Protein backbone atom coordinates (compact mmCIF):
# COMPACT_ATOMS: atom_id res chain seq x y z
CA MET A 1 -23.44 -62.22 -56.46
CA GLY A 2 -25.14 -58.87 -56.06
CA LEU A 3 -23.67 -55.44 -56.61
CA TRP A 4 -23.19 -54.71 -52.90
CA GLU A 5 -21.36 -57.98 -52.31
CA LEU A 6 -19.12 -57.21 -55.27
CA LEU A 7 -18.34 -53.69 -54.01
CA ASP A 8 -17.58 -54.99 -50.51
CA GLN A 9 -14.50 -56.96 -51.61
CA ASP A 10 -10.97 -55.79 -50.82
CA TRP A 11 -9.77 -55.54 -54.42
CA VAL A 12 -12.45 -52.93 -55.13
CA GLU A 13 -11.34 -50.69 -52.26
CA TRP A 14 -7.59 -51.05 -52.77
CA LEU A 15 -7.26 -51.43 -56.54
CA LEU A 16 -10.37 -50.55 -58.54
CA LEU A 17 -11.37 -47.24 -56.93
CA PRO A 18 -7.84 -45.74 -56.89
CA GLY A 19 -7.37 -46.99 -60.45
CA LEU A 20 -10.53 -45.22 -61.56
CA ALA A 21 -9.40 -42.06 -59.75
CA CYS A 22 -6.04 -42.21 -61.55
CA ALA A 23 -7.83 -42.70 -64.87
CA ALA A 24 -10.03 -39.64 -64.20
CA LEU A 25 -6.94 -37.60 -63.30
CA ALA A 26 -5.25 -38.78 -66.51
CA VAL A 27 -8.22 -37.57 -68.57
CA ILE A 28 -8.15 -34.19 -66.81
CA ALA A 29 -4.39 -33.88 -67.35
CA TRP A 30 -4.73 -34.86 -71.01
CA LEU A 31 -7.35 -32.16 -71.50
CA GLY A 32 -5.15 -29.63 -69.70
CA ASP A 33 -2.16 -30.51 -71.84
CA ARG A 34 -4.24 -30.27 -75.00
CA ARG A 35 -5.53 -26.87 -73.92
CA ARG A 36 -1.97 -25.73 -73.16
CA LEU A 37 -0.72 -26.83 -76.58
CA ARG A 38 -3.55 -25.05 -78.40
CA ARG A 39 -3.34 -21.73 -76.54
CA SER A 40 -3.53 -18.58 -78.65
CA ASN A 41 -0.88 -16.64 -76.73
CA PRO A 42 2.44 -18.57 -76.72
CA ASP A 43 3.79 -16.39 -73.91
CA ALA A 44 0.96 -17.33 -71.53
CA VAL A 45 2.75 -20.31 -70.03
CA GLY A 46 1.23 -21.95 -67.01
CA PHE A 47 2.99 -23.65 -64.12
CA MET A 48 1.25 -27.03 -64.19
CA PRO A 49 3.28 -29.89 -65.73
CA TRP A 50 0.34 -31.55 -67.49
CA THR A 51 2.45 -34.01 -69.44
CA GLY A 52 4.09 -35.41 -66.31
CA VAL A 53 0.78 -35.54 -64.44
CA PHE A 54 -0.76 -37.42 -67.35
CA LEU A 55 2.14 -39.85 -67.59
CA TRP A 56 2.18 -40.82 -63.92
CA SER A 57 -1.58 -40.94 -63.49
CA PHE A 58 -1.99 -43.04 -66.65
CA LEU A 59 0.74 -45.40 -65.47
CA GLY A 60 -0.95 -45.72 -62.08
CA ALA A 61 -4.34 -46.31 -63.70
CA VAL A 62 -3.01 -49.05 -65.98
CA ALA A 63 -1.20 -50.80 -63.13
CA LEU A 64 -4.06 -50.57 -60.63
CA LEU A 65 -6.80 -51.50 -63.07
CA GLY A 66 -4.70 -54.38 -64.37
CA LEU A 67 -4.20 -55.68 -60.86
CA ALA A 68 -7.91 -55.24 -60.14
CA ALA A 69 -8.82 -57.26 -63.23
CA ARG A 70 -6.33 -59.93 -62.24
CA SER A 71 -7.78 -60.08 -58.72
CA ARG A 72 -11.32 -60.27 -60.04
CA PHE A 73 -10.88 -62.72 -62.90
CA GLY A 74 -7.53 -64.38 -62.34
CA GLY A 75 -7.87 -65.59 -58.80
């Protein structure tokens, strides 16, 4: 099976690509939260809830990538 045949399957479009997007968002949120925790001015508080964004995007990434792996390898 070639790469294009693999990428043309439904589990890639509905599970793998959104799972990878959630994982990328989780990495960005983790970096934002780390930057917020290490800020030099404690009064410079931002408005973005990085911890919540990380939590939900990581949860979505784990669920979607787990389902993608199950669709690919489990049948």
